Amino acid sequence: MKVITNWSEVPSLESEEAEAAFWAEARLDGRLMNASLLKVDSRESTTITLRFDPRLLARIKRLARSRYLNYQSMMKQWLSERLEKEG
């Protein structure tokens, strides 16, 4: 069995069958897994202020609650999705 000690050793696999065949013959070195788990997301957030009509904000919050989401997280998701569409 091949032991993967670096992520670059994992090939780009075109199908689930190819992936299953690869992992049947290979395994990740424990140190590689531990190193990956210890990496901290170093991205920071910046606080901004937006002014909304109270009725609009109430609608956004109501929609977020119905989806069991925090309204701010939902709005960030919407902005991210729109930016992807804009290209």
C-alpha atoms as a PDB file:
ATOM      1  CA  MET A   1       0.000   0.000   0.000  1.00  0.00           C
ATOM      2  CA  LYS A   2       1.305   3.428  -0.980  1.00  0.00           C
ATOM      3  CA  VAL A   3       1.471   6.028   1.788  1.00  0.00           C
ATOM      4  CA  ILE A   4       0.715   9.583   0.645  1.00  0.00           C
ATOM      5  CA  THR A   5       3.011  12.023   2.441  1.00  0.00           C
ATOM      6  CA  ASN A   6       2.295  15.109   0.322  1.00  0.00           C
ATOM      7  CA  TRP A   7      -0.974  16.377  -1.180  1.00  0.00           C
ATOM      8  CA  SER A   8       0.731  16.710  -4.580  1.00  0.00           C
ATOM      9  CA  GLU A   9       0.905  12.901  -4.707  1.00  0.00           C
ATOM     10  CA  VAL A  10      -2.889  12.696  -4.959  1.00  0.00           C
ATOM     11  CA  PRO A  11      -3.776  12.695  -8.671  1.00  0.00           C
ATOM     12  CA  SER A  12      -6.752  14.410 -10.259  1.00  0.00           C
ATOM     13  CA  LEU A  13      -9.264  11.602 -10.643  1.00  0.00           C
ATOM     14  CA  GLU A  14     -11.978  11.712 -13.289  1.00  0.00           C
ATOM     15  CA  SER A  15     -14.569   9.400 -11.756  1.00  0.00           C
ATOM     16  CA  GLU A  16     -15.680   7.934  -8.462  1.00  0.00           C
ATOM     17  CA  GLU A  17     -14.529   4.531  -9.695  1.00  0.00           C
ATOM     18  CA  ALA A  18     -11.011   5.848 -10.364  1.00  0.00           C
ATOM     19  CA  GLU A  19     -10.998   7.508  -6.961  1.00  0.00           C
ATOM     20  CA  ALA A  20     -12.108   4.297  -5.247  1.00  0.00           C
ATOM     21  CA  ALA A  21      -9.418   2.311  -7.062  1.00  0.00           C
ATOM     22  CA  PHE A  22      -6.733   4.841  -6.088  1.00  0.00           C
ATOM     23  CA  TRP A  23      -7.688   4.895  -2.394  1.00  0.00           C
ATOM     24  CA  ALA A  24      -7.917   1.098  -2.313  1.00  0.00           C
ATOM     25  CA  GLU A  25      -4.151   1.090  -2.944  1.00  0.00           C
ATOM     26  CA  ALA A  26      -3.166   4.245  -1.027  1.00  0.00           C
ATOM     27  CA  ARG A  27      -3.622   5.874   2.356  1.00  0.00           C
ATOM     28  CA  LEU A  28      -2.753   9.235   3.865  1.00  0.00           C
ATOM     29  CA  ASP A  29       0.152   9.559   6.250  1.00  0.00           C
ATOM     30  CA  GLY A  30      -1.165  10.561   9.687  1.00  0.00           C
ATOM     31  CA  ARG A  31       1.216  13.527   9.866  1.00  0.00           C
ATOM     32  CA  LEU A  32      -0.259  14.933   6.663  1.00  0.00           C
ATOM     33  CA  MET A  33      -3.759  14.711   8.128  1.00  0.00           C
ATOM     34  CA  ASN A  34      -2.667  16.324  11.409  1.00  0.00           C
ATOM     35  CA  ALA A  35      -0.887  19.142   9.588  1.00  0.00           C
ATOM     36  CA  SER A  36      -4.051  19.843   7.596  1.00  0.00           C
ATOM     37  CA  LEU A  37      -6.210  19.943  10.698  1.00  0.00           C
ATOM     38  CA  LEU A  38      -3.893  22.391  12.433  1.00  0.00           C
ATOM     39  CA  LYS A  39      -4.003  24.986   9.662  1.00  0.00           C
ATOM     40  CA  VAL A  40      -6.061  27.952  10.751  1.00  0.00           C
ATOM     41  CA  ASP A  41      -8.108  29.977   8.319  1.00  0.00           C
ATOM     42  CA  SER A  42      -6.196  33.255   8.347  1.00  0.00           C
ATOM     43  CA  ARG A  43      -8.802  35.229   6.423  1.00  0.00           C
ATOM     44  CA  GLU A  44     -10.138  38.148   8.364  1.00  0.00           C
ATOM     45  CA  SER A  45     -13.512  39.800   8.241  1.00  0.00           C
ATOM     46  CA  THR A  46     -14.067  43.505   7.925  1.00  0.00           C
ATOM     47  CA  THR A  47     -17.024  45.097   9.620  1.00  0.00           C
ATOM     48  CA  ILE A  48     -19.159  47.386   7.483  1.00  0.00           C
ATOM     49  CA  THR A  49     -22.337  49.345   8.091  1.00  0.00           C
ATOM     50  CA  LEU A  50     -25.347  49.174   5.794  1.00  0.00           C
ATOM     51  CA  ARG A  51     -28.543  51.117   6.292  1.00  0.00           C
ATOM     52  CA  PHE A  52     -31.785  49.298   5.450  1.00  0.00           C
ATOM     53  CA  ASP A  53     -35.398  50.277   5.481  1.00  0.00           C
ATOM     54  CA  PRO A  54     -36.740  48.612   8.659  1.00  0.00           C
ATOM     55  CA  ARG A  55     -39.408  46.746   6.703  1.00  0.00           C
ATOM     56  CA  LEU A  56     -36.841  45.326   4.299  1.00  0.00           C
ATOM     57  CA  LEU A  57     -34.608  44.221   7.168  1.00  0.00           C
ATOM     58  CA  ALA A  58     -37.587  42.596   8.904  1.00  0.00           C
ATOM     59  CA  ARG A  59     -38.371  40.633   5.728  1.00  0.00           C
ATOM     60  CA  ILE A  60     -34.745  39.510   5.421  1.00  0.00           C
ATOM     61  CA  LYS A  61     -34.663  38.388   9.060  1.00  0.00           C
ATOM     62  CA  ARG A  62     -37.976  36.548   8.695  1.00  0.00           C
ATOM     63  CA  LEU A  63     -36.709  34.728   5.604  1.00  0.00           C
ATOM     64  CA  ALA A  64     -33.450  33.818   7.344  1.00  0.00           C
ATOM     65  CA  ARG A  65     -35.328  32.449  10.367  1.00  0.00           C
ATOM     66  CA  SER A  66     -37.499  30.304   8.103  1.00  0.00           C
ATOM     67  CA  ARG A  67     -34.275  28.794   6.708  1.00  0.00           C
ATOM     68  CA  TYR A  68     -32.734  28.419  10.195  1.00  0.00           C
ATOM     69  CA  LEU A  69     -29.938  30.830   9.245  1.00  0.00           C
ATOM     70  CA  ASN A  70     -28.422  33.927  10.771  1.00  0.00           C
ATOM     71  CA  TYR A  71     -29.599  36.835   8.600  1.00  0.00           C
ATOM     72  CA  GLN A  72     -26.087  38.252   8.272  1.00  0.00           C
ATOM     73  CA  SER A  73     -24.700  34.913   7.093  1.00  0.00           C
ATOM     74  CA  MET A  74     -27.546  34.570   4.613  1.00  0.00           C
ATOM     75  CA  MET A  75     -26.837  38.044   3.222  1.00  0.00           C
ATOM     76  CA  LYS A  76     -23.125  37.219   2.854  1.00  0.00           C
ATOM     77  CA  GLN A  77     -24.103  34.052   1.003  1.00  0.00           C
ATOM     78  CA  TRP A  78     -26.368  36.062  -1.330  1.00  0.00           C
ATOM     79  CA  LEU A  79     -23.598  38.552  -2.066  1.00  0.00           C
ATOM     80  CA  SER A  80     -21.105  35.778  -2.729  1.00  0.00           C
ATOM     81  CA  GLU A  81     -23.500  34.004  -5.102  1.00  0.00           C
ATOM     82  CA  ARG A  82     -24.183  37.239  -6.975  1.00  0.00           C
ATOM     83  CA  LEU A  83     -20.478  37.978  -7.335  1.00  0.00           C
ATOM     84  CA  GLU A  84     -19.980  34.520  -8.844  1.00  0.00           C
ATOM     85  CA  LYS A  85     -22.699  35.260 -11.414  1.00  0.00           C
ATOM     86  CA  GLU A  86     -21.157  38.616 -12.264  1.00  0.00           C
ATOM     87  CA  GLY A  87     -17.855  36.910 -12.992  1.00  0.00           C
END
